[in-house]
Amino acid sequence: QKKDPKAATYKRDKKDYMVQWPSLTYDQIIALSQTKELREYNDSGYI
């Protein structure tokens, strides 16, 4: 939303992929971070 350069995207096959993570779209990263299994691994509360 803030258009941070680190969150920039590029167009490929009519989809917007993240420049910093070229094989992933924004939606894929958000969906992955919200899975219960992955949240259980980080029990520190910090990133």
ModelCIF file with pLDDT and N, C-alpha, C, O atoms, coordinates in Angstrom:
data_MODEL
#
_entry.id   MODEL 
#
_entity.id                         1 
_entity.type                       polymer 
_entity.pdbx_number_of_molecules   1 
#
_entity_poly.entity_id                      1 
_entity_poly.type                           'polypeptide(L)' 
_entity_poly.nstd_linkage                   no 
_entity_poly.nstd_monomer                   no 
_entity_poly.pdbx_seq_one_letter_code       QKKDPKAATYKRDKKDYMVQWPSLTYDQIIALSQTKELREYNDSGYI 
_entity_poly.pdbx_seq_one_letter_code_can   QKKDPKAATYKRDKKDYMVQWPSLTYDQIIALSQTKELREYNDSGYI 
_entity_poly.pdbx_strand_id                 A 
#
loop_
_entity_poly_seq.entity_id 
_entity_poly_seq.num 
_entity_poly_seq.mon_id 
_entity_poly_seq.hetero 
1 1  GLN n 
1 2  LYS n 
1 3  LYS n 
1 4  ASP n 
1 5  PRO n 
1 6  LYS n 
1 7  ALA n 
1 8  ALA n 
1 9  THR n 
1 10 TYR n 
1 11 LYS n 
1 12 ARG n 
1 13 ASP n 
1 14 LYS n 
1 15 LYS n 
1 16 ASP n 
1 17 TYR n 
1 18 MET n 
1 19 VAL n 
1 20 GLN n 
1 21 TRP n 
1 22 PRO n 
1 23 SER n 
1 24 LEU n 
1 25 THR n 
1 26 TYR n 
1 27 ASP n 
1 28 GLN n 
1 29 ILE n 
1 30 ILE n 
1 31 ALA n 
1 32 LEU n 
1 33 SER n 
1 34 GLN n 
1 35 THR n 
1 36 LYS n 
1 37 GLU n 
1 38 LEU n 
1 39 ARG n 
1 40 GLU n 
1 41 TYR n 
1 42 ASN n 
1 43 ASP n 
1 44 SER n 
1 45 GLY n 
1 46 TYR n 
1 47 ILE n 
#
_struct_asym.id          A 
_struct_asym.entity_id   1 
#
loop_
_ma_qa_metric.id 
_ma_qa_metric.mode 
_ma_qa_metric.name 
_ma_qa_metric.software_group_id 
_ma_qa_metric.type 
1 global pLDDT . pLDDT 
2 local  pLDDT . pLDDT 
#
_ma_qa_metric_global.metric_id      1 
_ma_qa_metric_global.metric_value   81.04 
_ma_qa_metric_global.model_id       1 
_ma_qa_metric_global.ordinal_id     1 
#
loop_
_ma_qa_metric_local.label_asym_id 
_ma_qa_metric_local.label_comp_id 
_ma_qa_metric_local.label_seq_id 
_ma_qa_metric_local.metric_id 
_ma_qa_metric_local.metric_value 
_ma_qa_metric_local.model_id 
_ma_qa_metric_local.ordinal_id 
A GLN 1  2 84.00 1 1  
A LYS 2  2 87.00 1 2  
A LYS 3  2 86.00 1 3  
A ASP 4  2 87.00 1 4  
A PRO 5  2 86.00 1 5  
A LYS 6  2 82.00 1 6  
A ALA 7  2 85.00 1 7  
A ALA 8  2 89.00 1 8  
A THR 9  2 87.00 1 9  
A TYR 10 2 90.00 1 10 
A LYS 11 2 88.00 1 11 
A ARG 12 2 87.00 1 12 
A ASP 13 2 84.00 1 13 
A LYS 14 2 86.00 1 14 
A LYS 15 2 87.00 1 15 
A ASP 16 2 88.00 1 16 
A TYR 17 2 90.00 1 17 
A MET 18 2 87.00 1 18 
A VAL 19 2 87.00 1 19 
A GLN 20 2 83.00 1 20 
A TRP 21 2 80.00 1 21 
A PRO 22 2 79.00 1 22 
A SER 23 2 80.00 1 23 
A LEU 24 2 84.00 1 24 
A THR 25 2 87.00 1 25 
A TYR 26 2 85.00 1 26 
A ASP 27 2 86.00 1 27 
A GLN 28 2 85.00 1 28 
A ILE 29 2 82.00 1 29 
A ILE 30 2 81.00 1 30 
A ALA 31 2 81.00 1 31 
A LEU 32 2 75.00 1 32 
A SER 33 2 73.00 1 33 
A GLN 34 2 72.00 1 34 
A THR 35 2 73.00 1 35 
A LYS 36 2 69.00 1 36 
A GLU 37 2 64.00 1 37 
A LEU 38 2 70.00 1 38 
A ARG 39 2 71.00 1 39 
A GLU 40 2 77.00 1 40 
A TYR 41 2 80.00 1 41 
A ASN 42 2 78.00 1 42 
A ASP 43 2 77.00 1 43 
A SER 44 2 77.00 1 44 
A GLY 45 2 70.00 1 45 
A TYR 46 2 73.00 1 46 
A ILE 47 2 70.00 1 47 
#
loop_
_atom_site.group_PDB 
_atom_site.id 
_atom_site.type_symbol 
_atom_site.label_atom_id 
_atom_site.label_alt_id 
_atom_site.label_comp_id 
_atom_site.label_asym_id 
_atom_site.label_entity_id 
_atom_site.label_seq_id 
_atom_site.pdbx_PDB_ins_code 
_atom_site.Cartn_x 
_atom_site.Cartn_y 
_atom_site.Cartn_z 
_atom_site.occupancy 
_atom_site.B_iso_or_equiv 
_atom_site.pdbx_formal_charge 
_atom_site.auth_seq_id 
_atom_site.auth_comp_id 
_atom_site.auth_asym_id 
_atom_site.auth_atom_id 
_atom_site.pdbx_PDB_model_num 
ATOM 1   N N  . GLN A 1 1  ? 0.818  -1.212  0.000   1.00 84.00 ? 1  GLN A N  1 
ATOM 2   C CA . GLN A 1 1  ? 0.000  0.000   0.000   1.00 84.00 ? 1  GLN A CA 1 
ATOM 3   C C  . GLN A 1 1  ? 0.853  1.263   0.000   1.00 84.00 ? 1  GLN A C  1 
ATOM 4   O O  . GLN A 1 1  ? 0.491  2.263   -0.620  1.00 84.00 ? 1  GLN A O  1 
ATOM 5   N N  . LYS A 1 2  ? 1.977  1.215   0.691   1.00 87.00 ? 2  LYS A N  1 
ATOM 6   C CA . LYS A 1 2  ? 2.890  2.376   0.752   1.00 87.00 ? 2  LYS A CA 1 
ATOM 7   C C  . LYS A 1 2  ? 3.809  2.449   -0.459  1.00 87.00 ? 2  LYS A C  1 
ATOM 8   O O  . LYS A 1 2  ? 4.599  3.384   -0.591  1.00 87.00 ? 2  LYS A O  1 
ATOM 9   N N  . LYS A 1 3  ? 3.702  1.458   -1.344  1.00 86.00 ? 3  LYS A N  1 
ATOM 10  C CA . LYS A 1 3  ? 4.537  1.372   -2.538  1.00 86.00 ? 3  LYS A CA 1 
ATOM 11  C C  . LYS A 1 3  ? 6.022  1.335   -2.188  1.00 86.00 ? 3  LYS A C  1 
ATOM 12  O O  . LYS A 1 3  ? 6.851  1.978   -2.831  1.00 86.00 ? 3  LYS A O  1 
ATOM 13  N N  . ASP A 1 4  ? 6.325  0.573   -1.163  1.00 87.00 ? 4  ASP A N  1 
ATOM 14  C CA . ASP A 1 4  ? 7.714  0.377   -0.752  1.00 87.00 ? 4  ASP A CA 1 
ATOM 15  C C  . ASP A 1 4  ? 8.455  -0.336  -1.881  1.00 87.00 ? 4  ASP A C  1 
ATOM 16  O O  . ASP A 1 4  ? 7.952  -1.333  -2.397  1.00 87.00 ? 4  ASP A O  1 
ATOM 17  N N  . PRO A 1 5  ? 9.640  0.147   -2.281  1.00 86.00 ? 5  PRO A N  1 
ATOM 18  C CA . PRO A 1 5  ? 10.408 -0.490  -3.372  1.00 86.00 ? 5  PRO A CA 1 
ATOM 19  C C  . PRO A 1 5  ? 10.661 -1.981  -3.125  1.00 86.00 ? 5  PRO A C  1 
ATOM 20  O O  . PRO A 1 5  ? 10.752 -2.763  -4.072  1.00 86.00 ? 5  PRO A O  1 
ATOM 21  N N  . LYS A 1 6  ? 10.774 -2.371  -1.854  1.00 82.00 ? 6  LYS A N  1 
ATOM 22  C CA . LYS A 1 6  ? 11.012 -3.783  -1.535  1.00 82.00 ? 6  LYS A CA 1 
ATOM 23  C C  . LYS A 1 6  ? 9.795  -4.651  -1.836  1.00 82.00 ? 6  LYS A C  1 
ATOM 24  O O  . LYS A 1 6  ? 9.905  -5.875  -1.911  1.00 82.00 ? 6  LYS A O  1 
ATOM 25  N N  . ALA A 1 7  ? 8.635  -4.018  -2.010  1.00 85.00 ? 7  ALA A N  1 
ATOM 26  C CA . ALA A 1 7  ? 7.405  -4.766  -2.302  1.00 85.00 ? 7  ALA A CA 1 
ATOM 27  C C  . ALA A 1 7  ? 6.982  -4.574  -3.754  1.00 85.00 ? 7  ALA A C  1 
ATOM 28  O O  . ALA A 1 7  ? 5.824  -4.805  -4.102  1.00 85.00 ? 7  ALA A O  1 
ATOM 29  N N  . ALA A 1 8  ? 7.916  -4.153  -4.599  1.00 89.00 ? 8  ALA A N  1 
ATOM 30  C CA . ALA A 1 8  ? 7.612  -3.923  -6.008  1.00 89.00 ? 8  ALA A CA 1 
ATOM 31  C C  . ALA A 1 8  ? 7.266  -5.229  -6.720  1.00 89.00 ? 8  ALA A C  1 
ATOM 32  O O  . ALA A 1 8  ? 7.697  -6.303  -6.300  1.00 89.00 ? 8  ALA A O  1 
ATOM 33  N N  . THR A 1 9  ? 6.497  -5.135  -7.785  1.00 87.00 ? 9  THR A N  1 
ATOM 34  C CA . THR A 1 9  ? 6.087  -6.312  -8.558  1.00 87.00 ? 9  THR A CA 1 
ATOM 35  C C  . THR A 1 9  ? 6.456  -6.125  -10.024 1.00 87.00 ? 9  THR A C  1 
ATOM 36  O O  . THR A 1 9  ? 6.757  -5.018  -10.471 1.00 87.00 ? 9  THR A O  1 
ATOM 37  N N  . TYR A 1 10 ? 6.426  -7.235  -10.760 1.00 90.00 ? 10 TYR A N  1 
ATOM 38  C CA . TYR A 1 10 ? 6.624  -7.176  -12.208 1.00 90.00 ? 10 TYR A CA 1 
ATOM 39  C C  . TYR A 1 10 ? 5.622  -8.120  -12.865 1.00 90.00 ? 10 TYR A C  1 
ATOM 40  O O  . TYR A 1 10 ? 5.177  -9.087  -12.248 1.00 90.00 ? 10 TYR A O  1 
ATOM 41  N N  . LYS A 1 11 ? 5.277  -7.843  -14.092 1.00 88.00 ? 11 LYS A N  1 
ATOM 42  C CA . LYS A 1 11 ? 4.237  -8.607  -14.797 1.00 88.00 ? 11 LYS A CA 1 
ATOM 43  C C  . LYS A 1 11 ? 4.855  -9.786  -15.543 1.00 88.00 ? 11 LYS A C  1 
ATOM 44  O O  . LYS A 1 11 ? 5.844  -9.636  -16.262 1.00 88.00 ? 11 LYS A O  1 
ATOM 45  N N  . ARG A 1 12 ? 4.249  -10.970 -15.357 1.00 87.00 ? 12 ARG A N  1 
ATOM 46  C CA . ARG A 1 12 ? 4.660  -12.159 -16.097 1.00 87.00 ? 12 ARG A CA 1 
ATOM 47  C C  . ARG A 1 12 ? 3.463  -13.064 -16.252 1.00 87.00 ? 12 ARG A C  1 
ATOM 48  O O  . ARG A 1 12 ? 2.806  -13.407 -15.270 1.00 87.00 ? 12 ARG A O  1 
ATOM 49  N N  . ASP A 1 13 ? 3.172  -13.457 -17.492 1.00 84.00 ? 13 ASP A N  1 
ATOM 50  C CA . ASP A 1 13 ? 2.020  -14.322 -17.781 1.00 84.00 ? 13 ASP A CA 1 
ATOM 51  C C  . ASP A 1 13 ? 0.736  -13.755 -17.188 1.00 84.00 ? 13 ASP A C  1 
ATOM 52  O O  . ASP A 1 13 ? -0.085 -14.487 -16.636 1.00 84.00 ? 13 ASP A O  1 
ATOM 53  N N  . LYS A 1 14 ? 0.578  -12.441 -17.309 1.00 86.00 ? 14 LYS A N  1 
ATOM 54  C CA . LYS A 1 14 ? -0.618 -11.731 -16.847 1.00 86.00 ? 14 LYS A CA 1 
ATOM 55  C C  . LYS A 1 14 ? -0.791 -11.759 -15.328 1.00 86.00 ? 14 LYS A C  1 
ATOM 56  O O  . LYS A 1 14 ? -1.879 -11.492 -14.817 1.00 86.00 ? 14 LYS A O  1 
ATOM 57  N N  . LYS A 1 15 ? 0.295  -12.088 -14.603 1.00 87.00 ? 15 LYS A N  1 
ATOM 58  C CA . LYS A 1 15 ? 0.250  -12.079 -13.141 1.00 87.00 ? 15 LYS A CA 1 
ATOM 59  C C  . LYS A 1 15 ? 1.334  -11.144 -12.611 1.00 87.00 ? 15 LYS A C  1 
ATOM 60  O O  . LYS A 1 15 ? 2.362  -10.930 -13.255 1.00 87.00 ? 15 LYS A O  1 
ATOM 61  N N  . ASP A 1 16 ? 1.085  -10.593 -11.429 1.00 88.00 ? 16 ASP A N  1 
ATOM 62  C CA . ASP A 1 16 ? 2.060  -9.702  -10.796 1.00 88.00 ? 16 ASP A CA 1 
ATOM 63  C C  . ASP A 1 16 ? 2.900  -10.485 -9.801  1.00 88.00 ? 16 ASP A C  1 
ATOM 64  O O  . ASP A 1 16 ? 2.403  -10.926 -8.765  1.00 88.00 ? 16 ASP A O  1 
ATOM 65  N N  . TYR A 1 17 ? 4.176  -10.654 -10.125 1.00 90.00 ? 17 TYR A N  1 
ATOM 66  C CA . TYR A 1 17 ? 5.099  -11.366 -9.242  1.00 90.00 ? 17 TYR A CA 1 
ATOM 67  C C  . TYR A 1 17 ? 5.954  -10.359 -8.474  1.00 90.00 ? 17 TYR A C  1 
ATOM 68  O O  . TYR A 1 17 ? 6.206  -9.248  -8.941  1.00 90.00 ? 17 TYR A O  1 
ATOM 69  N N  . MET A 1 18 ? 6.397  -10.778 -7.277  1.00 87.00 ? 18 MET A N  1 
ATOM 70  C CA . MET A 1 18 ? 7.218  -9.910  -6.444  1.00 87.00 ? 18 MET A CA 1 
ATOM 71  C C  . MET A 1 18 ? 8.654  -9.847  -6.983  1.00 87.00 ? 18 MET A C  1 
ATOM 72  O O  . MET A 1 18 ? 9.244  -10.881 -7.297  1.00 87.00 ? 18 MET A O  1 
ATOM 73  N N  . VAL A 1 19 ? 9.209  -8.650  -7.088  1.00 87.00 ? 19 VAL A N  1 
ATOM 74  C CA . VAL A 1 19 ? 10.571 -8.486  -7.578  1.00 87.00 ? 19 VAL A CA 1 
ATOM 75  C C  . VAL A 1 19 ? 11.572 -9.161  -6.635  1.00 87.00 ? 19 VAL A C  1 
ATOM 76  O O  . VAL A 1 19 ? 12.521 -9.800  -7.089  1.00 87.00 ? 19 VAL A O  1 
ATOM 77  N N  . GLN A 1 20 ? 11.360 -9.019  -5.333  1.00 83.00 ? 20 GLN A N  1 
ATOM 78  C CA . GLN A 1 20 ? 12.273 -9.609  -4.358  1.00 83.00 ? 20 GLN A CA 1 
ATOM 79  C C  . GLN A 1 20 ? 12.138 -11.128 -4.278  1.00 83.00 ? 20 GLN A C  1 
ATOM 80  O O  . GLN A 1 20 ? 13.079 -11.814 -3.879  1.00 83.00 ? 20 GLN A O  1 
ATOM 81  N N  . TRP A 1 21 ? 10.961 -11.660 -4.659  1.00 80.00 ? 21 TRP A N  1 
ATOM 82  C CA . TRP A 1 21 ? 10.703 -13.110 -4.619  1.00 80.00 ? 21 TRP A CA 1 
ATOM 83  C C  . TRP A 1 21 ? 10.066 -13.481 -5.957  1.00 80.00 ? 21 TRP A C  1 
ATOM 84  O O  . TRP A 1 21 ? 8.851  -13.669 -6.035  1.00 80.00 ? 21 TRP A O  1 
ATOM 85  N N  . PRO A 1 22 ? 10.881 -13.588 -7.012  1.00 79.00 ? 22 PRO A N  1 
ATOM 86  C CA . PRO A 1 22 ? 10.411 -13.666 -8.395  1.00 79.00 ? 22 PRO A CA 1 
ATOM 87  C C  . PRO A 1 22 ? 9.442  -14.799 -8.724  1.00 79.00 ? 22 PRO A C  1 
ATOM 88  O O  . PRO A 1 22 ? 8.690  -14.698 -9.693  1.00 79.00 ? 22 PRO A O  1 
ATOM 89  N N  . SER A 1 23 ? 9.445  -15.859 -7.947  1.00 80.00 ? 23 SER A N  1 
ATOM 90  C CA . SER A 1 23 ? 8.555  -16.984 -8.274  1.00 80.00 ? 23 SER A CA 1 
ATOM 91  C C  . SER A 1 23 ? 7.225  -16.915 -7.545  1.00 80.00 ? 23 SER A C  1 
ATOM 92  O O  . SER A 1 23 ? 6.386  -17.800 -7.713  1.00 80.00 ? 23 SER A O  1 
ATOM 93  N N  . LEU A 1 24 ? 7.015  -15.879 -6.736  1.00 84.00 ? 24 LEU A N  1 
ATOM 94  C CA . LEU A 1 24 ? 5.813  -15.785 -5.910  1.00 84.00 ? 24 LEU A CA 1 
ATOM 95  C C  . LEU A 1 24 ? 5.015  -14.511 -6.183  1.00 84.00 ? 24 LEU A C  1 
ATOM 96  O O  . LEU A 1 24 ? 5.581  -13.448 -6.442  1.00 84.00 ? 24 LEU A O  1 
ATOM 97  N N  . THR A 1 25 ? 3.701  -14.641 -6.119  1.00 87.00 ? 25 THR A N  1 
ATOM 98  C CA . THR A 1 25 ? 2.835  -13.471 -6.210  1.00 87.00 ? 25 THR A CA 1 
ATOM 99  C C  . THR A 1 25 ? 2.527  -12.986 -4.800  1.00 87.00 ? 25 THR A C  1 
ATOM 100 O O  . THR A 1 25 ? 2.789  -13.687 -3.822  1.00 87.00 ? 25 THR A O  1 
ATOM 101 N N  . TYR A 1 26 ? 1.979  -11.800 -4.703  1.00 85.00 ? 26 TYR A N  1 
ATOM 102 C CA . TYR A 1 26 ? 1.587  -11.241 -3.403  1.00 85.00 ? 26 TYR A CA 1 
ATOM 103 C C  . TYR A 1 26 ? 0.585  -12.170 -2.709  1.00 85.00 ? 26 TYR A C  1 
ATOM 104 O O  . TYR A 1 26 ? 0.730  -12.468 -1.523  1.00 85.00 ? 26 TYR A O  1 
ATOM 105 N N  . ASP A 1 27 ? -0.419 -12.619 -3.441  1.00 86.00 ? 27 ASP A N  1 
ATOM 106 C CA . ASP A 1 27 ? -1.453 -13.486 -2.856  1.00 86.00 ? 27 ASP A CA 1 
ATOM 107 C C  . ASP A 1 27 ? -0.862 -14.790 -2.321  1.00 86.00 ? 27 ASP A C  1 
ATOM 108 O O  . ASP A 1 27 ? -1.281 -15.274 -1.269  1.00 86.00 ? 27 ASP A O  1 
ATOM 109 N N  . GLN A 1 28 ? 0.106  -15.359 -3.037  1.00 85.00 ? 28 GLN A N  1 
ATOM 110 C CA . GLN A 1 28 ? 0.721  -16.612 -2.593  1.00 85.00 ? 28 GLN A CA 1 
ATOM 111 C C  . GLN A 1 28 ? 1.492  -16.424 -1.288  1.00 85.00 ? 28 GLN A C  1 
ATOM 112 O O  . GLN A 1 28 ? 1.431  -17.273 -0.399  1.00 85.00 ? 28 GLN A O  1 
ATOM 113 N N  . ILE A 1 29 ? 2.211  -15.318 -1.177  1.00 82.00 ? 29 ILE A N  1 
ATOM 114 C CA . ILE A 1 29 ? 2.981  -15.053 0.043   1.00 82.00 ? 29 ILE A CA 1 
ATOM 115 C C  . ILE A 1 29 ? 2.046  -14.837 1.230   1.00 82.00 ? 29 ILE A C  1 
ATOM 116 O O  . ILE A 1 29 ? 2.298  -15.356 2.317   1.00 82.00 ? 29 ILE A O  1 
ATOM 117 N N  . ILE A 1 30 ? 0.984  -14.086 1.032   1.00 81.00 ? 30 ILE A N  1 
ATOM 118 C CA . ILE A 1 30 ? 0.028  -13.831 2.113   1.00 81.00 ? 30 ILE A CA 1 
ATOM 119 C C  . ILE A 1 30 ? -0.636 -15.134 2.551   1.00 81.00 ? 30 ILE A C  1 
ATOM 120 O O  . ILE A 1 30 ? -0.779 -15.388 3.747   1.00 81.00 ? 30 ILE A O  1 
ATOM 121 N N  . ALA A 1 31 ? -1.043 -15.962 1.582   1.00 81.00 ? 31 ALA A N  1 
ATOM 122 C CA . ALA A 1 31 ? -1.708 -17.225 1.908   1.00 81.00 ? 31 ALA A CA 1 
ATOM 123 C C  . ALA A 1 31 ? -0.775 -18.142 2.694   1.00 81.00 ? 31 ALA A C  1 
ATOM 124 O O  . ALA A 1 31 ? -1.197 -18.810 3.639   1.00 81.00 ? 31 ALA A O  1 
ATOM 125 N N  . LEU A 1 32 ? 0.489  -18.168 2.297   1.00 75.00 ? 32 LEU A N  1 
ATOM 126 C CA . LEU A 1 32 ? 1.461  -19.016 2.978   1.00 75.00 ? 32 LEU A CA 1 
ATOM 127 C C  . LEU A 1 32 ? 1.687  -18.558 4.415   1.00 75.00 ? 32 LEU A C  1 
ATOM 128 O O  . LEU A 1 32 ? 1.764  -19.381 5.328   1.00 75.00 ? 32 LEU A O  1 
ATOM 129 N N  . SER A 1 33 ? 1.792  -17.256 4.613   1.00 73.00 ? 33 SER A N  1 
ATOM 130 C CA . SER A 1 33 ? 2.068  -16.733 5.950   1.00 73.00 ? 33 SER A CA 1 
ATOM 131 C C  . SER A 1 33 ? 0.898  -16.931 6.904   1.00 73.00 ? 33 SER A C  1 
ATOM 132 O O  . SER A 1 33 ? 1.067  -16.843 8.120   1.00 73.00 ? 33 SER A O  1 
ATOM 133 N N  . GLN A 1 34 ? -0.293 -17.199 6.359   1.00 72.00 ? 34 GLN A N  1 
ATOM 134 C CA . GLN A 1 34 ? -1.478 -17.357 7.199   1.00 72.00 ? 34 GLN A CA 1 
ATOM 135 C C  . GLN A 1 34 ? -1.797 -18.815 7.538   1.00 72.00 ? 34 GLN A C  1 
ATOM 136 O O  . GLN A 1 34 ? -2.763 -19.084 8.252   1.00 72.00 ? 34 GLN A O  1 
ATOM 137 N N  . THR A 1 35 ? -1.001 -19.748 7.036   1.00 73.00 ? 35 THR A N  1 
ATOM 138 C CA . THR A 1 35 ? -1.278 -21.154 7.340   1.00 73.00 ? 35 THR A CA 1 
ATOM 139 C C  . THR A 1 35 ? -0.970 -21.444 8.803   1.00 73.00 ? 35 THR A C  1 
ATOM 140 O O  . THR A 1 35 ? 0.014  -20.952 9.355   1.00 73.00 ? 35 THR A O  1 
ATOM 141 N N  . LYS A 1 36 ? -1.816 -22.240 9.412   1.00 69.00 ? 36 LYS A N  1 
ATOM 142 C CA . LYS A 1 36 ? -1.684 -22.572 10.834  1.00 69.00 ? 36 LYS A CA 1 
ATOM 143 C C  . LYS A 1 36 ? -0.363 -23.272 11.120  1.00 69.00 ? 36 LYS A C  1 
ATOM 144 O O  . LYS A 1 36 ? 0.302  -22.974 12.113  1.00 69.00 ? 36 LYS A O  1 
ATOM 145 N N  . GLU A 1 37 ? 0.022  -24.214 10.240  1.00 64.00 ? 37 GLU A N  1 
ATOM 146 C CA . GLU A 1 37 ? 1.241  -24.995 10.463  1.00 64.00 ? 37 GLU A CA 1 
ATOM 147 C C  . GLU A 1 37 ? 2.472  -24.100 10.547  1.00 64.00 ? 37 GLU A C  1 
ATOM 148 O O  . GLU A 1 37 ? 3.325  -24.307 11.411  1.00 64.00 ? 37 GLU A O  1 
ATOM 149 N N  . LEU A 1 38 ? 2.577  -23.112 9.666   1.00 70.00 ? 38 LEU A N  1 
ATOM 150 C CA . LEU A 1 38 ? 3.755  -22.257 9.657   1.00 70.00 ? 38 LEU A CA 1 
ATOM 151 C C  . LEU A 1 38 ? 3.753  -21.284 10.832  1.00 70.00 ? 38 LEU A C  1 
ATOM 152 O O  . LEU A 1 38 ? 4.817  -20.958 11.356  1.00 70.00 ? 38 LEU A O  1 
ATOM 153 N N  . ARG A 1 39 ? 2.594  -20.820 11.251  1.00 71.00 ? 39 ARG A N  1 
ATOM 154 C CA . ARG A 1 39 ? 2.526  -19.916 12.401  1.00 71.00 ? 39 ARG A CA 1 
ATOM 155 C C  . ARG A 1 39 ? 2.975  -20.626 13.671  1.00 71.00 ? 39 ARG A C  1 
ATOM 156 O O  . ARG A 1 39 ? 3.511  -19.997 14.583  1.00 71.00 ? 39 ARG A O  1 
ATOM 157 N N  . GLU A 1 40 ? 2.754  -21.945 13.729  1.00 77.00 ? 40 GLU A N  1 
ATOM 158 C CA . GLU A 1 40 ? 3.136  -22.701 14.919  1.00 77.00 ? 40 GLU A CA 1 
ATOM 159 C C  . GLU A 1 40 ? 4.654  -22.761 15.102  1.00 77.00 ? 40 GLU A C  1 
ATOM 160 O O  . GLU A 1 40 ? 5.135  -22.865 16.231  1.00 77.00 ? 40 GLU A O  1 
ATOM 161 N N  . TYR A 1 41 ? 5.405  -22.697 14.013  1.00 80.00 ? 41 TYR A N  1 
ATOM 162 C CA . TYR A 1 41 ? 6.857  -22.793 14.116  1.00 80.00 ? 41 TYR A CA 1 
ATOM 163 C C  . TYR A 1 41 ? 7.462  -21.545 14.772  1.00 80.00 ? 41 TYR A C  1 
ATOM 164 O O  . TYR A 1 41 ? 8.411  -21.644 15.550  1.00 80.00 ? 41 TYR A O  1 
ATOM 165 N N  . ASN A 1 42 ? 6.915  -20.397 14.456  1.00 78.00 ? 42 ASN A N  1 
ATOM 166 C CA . ASN A 1 42 ? 7.445  -19.163 15.048  1.00 78.00 ? 42 ASN A CA 1 
ATOM 167 C C  . ASN A 1 42 ? 6.668  -18.855 16.327  1.00 78.00 ? 42 ASN A C  1 
ATOM 168 O O  . ASN A 1 42 ? 5.635  -18.186 16.298  1.00 78.00 ? 42 ASN A O  1 
ATOM 169 N N  . ASP A 1 43 ? 7.186  -19.356 17.447  1.00 77.00 ? 43 ASP A N  1 
ATOM 170 C CA . ASP A 1 43 ? 6.521  -19.118 18.721  1.00 77.00 ? 43 ASP A CA 1 
ATOM 171 C C  . ASP A 1 43 ? 7.172  -17.972 19.486  1.00 77.00 ? 43 ASP A C  1 
ATOM 172 O O  . ASP A 1 43 ? 6.914  -17.776 20.673  1.00 77.00 ? 43 ASP A O  1 
ATOM 173 N N  . SER A 1 44 ? 8.027  -17.211 18.782  1.00 77.00 ? 44 SER A N  1 
ATOM 174 C CA . SER A 1 44 ? 8.719  -16.099 19.437  1.00 77.00 ? 44 SER A CA 1 
ATOM 175 C C  . SER A 1 44 ? 7.899  -14.817 19.386  1.00 77.00 ? 44 SER A C  1 
ATOM 176 O O  . SER A 1 44 ? 8.030  -13.949 20.250  1.00 77.00 ? 44 SER A O  1 
ATOM 177 N N  . GLY A 1 45 ? 7.055  -14.707 18.369  1.00 70.00 ? 45 GLY A N  1 
ATOM 178 C CA . GLY A 1 45 ? 6.278  -13.486 18.200  1.00 70.00 ? 45 GLY A CA 1 
ATOM 179 C C  . GLY A 1 45 ? 7.037  -12.390 17.487  1.00 70.00 ? 45 GLY A C  1 
ATOM 180 O O  . GLY A 1 45 ? 6.525  -11.281 17.334  1.00 70.00 ? 45 GLY A O  1 
ATOM 181 N N  . TYR A 1 46 ? 8.266  -12.683 17.044  1.00 73.00 ? 46 TYR A N  1 
ATOM 182 C CA . TYR A 1 46 ? 9.091  -11.663 16.397  1.00 73.00 ? 46 TYR A CA 1 
ATOM 183 C C  . TYR A 1 46 ? 9.529  -12.129 14.998  1.00 73.00 ? 46 TYR A C  1 
ATOM 184 O O  . TYR A 1 46 ? 9.562  -13.323 14.699  1.00 73.00 ? 46 TYR A O  1 
ATOM 185 N N  . ILE A 1 47 ? 9.858  -11.155 14.169  1.00 70.00 ? 47 ILE A N  1 
ATOM 186 C CA . ILE A 1 47 ? 10.447 -11.434 12.865  1.00 70.00 ? 47 ILE A CA 1 
ATOM 187 C C  . ILE A 1 47 ? 11.635 -10.500 12.681  1.00 70.00 ? 47 ILE A C  1 
ATOM 188 O O  . ILE A 1 47 ? 12.302 -10.545 11.647  1.00 70.00 ? 47 ILE A O  1 
#
